[in-house]
Amino acid sequence: MHHWAVYPSQFEVDEFILAEYVGYRERAGLFAWQETAAGFLRWPDERRYELAERALASTELTHGTAQDCDEIALYDPEFEQWHFVPYTG
């Protein structure tokens, strides 16, 4: 994955990263994530911003090291809930 320090933030995802993402989504039971993502892009900006605010507000931050991370959190915007999947990397 490549990230560019511009505003708004941008990043590029290669085929390997996309395959990993698909695998995590499927392990979380989010099989229709592509349709959800396509629909999300059609939502008004205000709705997306409000959803992002609620998603961030629902998180709990903890302190630790990278080795402490053993799950990946995936957010389902349709049902506004987080899914946690064991990290396989």
Protein backbone atom coordinates (compact mmCIF):
# COMPACT_ATOMS: atom_id res chain seq x y z
CA MET A 1 0.00 0.00 0.00
CA HIS A 2 1.28 3.47 -0.81
CA HIS A 3 0.26 6.67 0.99
CA TRP A 4 0.74 10.23 -0.14
CA ALA A 5 0.92 13.17 2.26
CA VAL A 6 -1.58 15.39 0.51
CA TYR A 7 -4.96 16.78 1.44
CA PRO A 8 -7.27 15.04 1.29
CA SER A 9 -5.23 11.96 2.17
CA GLN A 10 -4.81 9.45 -0.63
CA PHE A 11 -3.48 5.95 -0.85
CA GLU A 12 -3.12 3.27 -3.48
CA VAL A 13 -3.87 -0.40 -2.88
CA ASP A 14 -2.16 -3.14 -4.88
CA GLU A 15 -3.64 -6.56 -5.69
CA PHE A 16 -1.98 -8.25 -2.70
CA ILE A 17 -3.41 -5.75 -0.19
CA LEU A 18 -6.84 -5.93 -1.85
CA ALA A 19 -6.82 -9.74 -1.57
CA GLU A 20 -5.91 -9.46 2.13
CA TYR A 21 -8.73 -6.96 2.65
CA VAL A 22 -11.24 -9.23 0.91
CA GLY A 23 -10.15 -12.13 3.09
CA TYR A 24 -10.58 -10.15 6.31
CA ARG A 25 -14.00 -8.92 5.22
CA GLU A 26 -15.11 -12.47 4.45
CA ARG A 27 -13.79 -13.78 7.79
CA ALA A 28 -15.83 -11.03 9.46
CA GLY A 29 -18.95 -12.25 7.65
CA LEU A 30 -19.15 -9.12 5.51
CA PHE A 31 -19.69 -10.82 2.17
CA ALA A 32 -21.58 -7.93 0.51
CA TRP A 33 -18.94 -5.33 1.37
CA GLN A 34 -18.41 -4.33 -2.28
CA GLU A 35 -22.09 -3.44 -2.69
CA THR A 36 -22.04 -1.61 0.64
CA ALA A 37 -18.94 0.35 -0.42
CA ALA A 38 -20.53 1.29 -3.74
CA GLY A 39 -23.68 2.47 -1.97
CA PHE A 40 -21.62 4.37 0.59
CA LEU A 41 -20.07 6.43 -2.20
CA ARG A 42 -23.54 7.52 -3.31
CA TRP A 43 -24.55 8.73 0.16
CA PRO A 44 -24.55 12.49 0.72
CA ASP A 45 -21.31 13.83 2.23
CA GLU A 46 -23.12 14.90 5.40
CA ARG A 47 -24.36 11.36 6.03
CA ARG A 48 -20.86 9.92 5.50
CA TYR A 49 -19.28 12.46 7.85
CA GLU A 50 -21.88 11.75 10.53
CA LEU A 51 -21.30 8.02 10.14
CA ALA A 52 -17.53 8.49 10.44
CA GLU A 53 -18.03 10.55 13.59
CA ARG A 54 -20.23 7.86 15.15
CA ALA A 55 -17.76 5.14 14.17
CA LEU A 56 -14.86 7.02 15.76
CA ALA A 57 -16.90 7.89 18.84
CA SER A 58 -17.69 4.21 19.36
CA THR A 59 -14.01 3.24 19.59
CA GLU A 60 -12.02 2.83 22.75
CA LEU A 61 -8.35 3.68 22.54
CA THR A 62 -5.79 1.66 24.45
CA HIS A 63 -2.04 1.91 24.68
CA GLY A 64 0.35 -0.85 23.74
CA THR A 65 2.92 -1.98 21.26
CA ALA A 66 2.48 -3.27 17.73
CA GLN A 67 3.02 -6.79 19.09
CA ASP A 68 -0.11 -6.35 21.25
CA CYS A 69 -2.29 -6.06 18.15
CA ASP A 70 -3.80 -9.42 17.29
CA GLU A 71 -7.04 -8.33 15.58
CA ILE A 72 -8.11 -6.10 12.74
CA ALA A 73 -11.19 -3.92 13.22
CA LEU A 74 -13.52 -3.59 10.23
CA TYR A 75 -16.45 -1.19 10.28
CA ASP A 76 -19.76 -2.03 8.64
CA PRO A 77 -21.31 1.33 7.69
CA GLU A 78 -24.65 -0.23 6.82
CA PHE A 79 -25.26 -1.59 10.33
CA GLU A 80 -22.89 0.84 12.08
CA GLN A 81 -20.95 -1.82 13.93
CA TRP A 82 -17.37 -2.96 14.27
CA HIS A 83 -16.23 -6.50 13.47
CA PHE A 84 -12.97 -7.84 14.91
CA VAL A 85 -11.04 -10.49 13.00
CA PRO A 86 -7.85 -12.22 14.17
CA TYR A 87 -4.81 -10.74 12.45
CA THR A 88 -3.00 -13.34 10.36
CA GLY A 89 0.02 -11.26 9.33
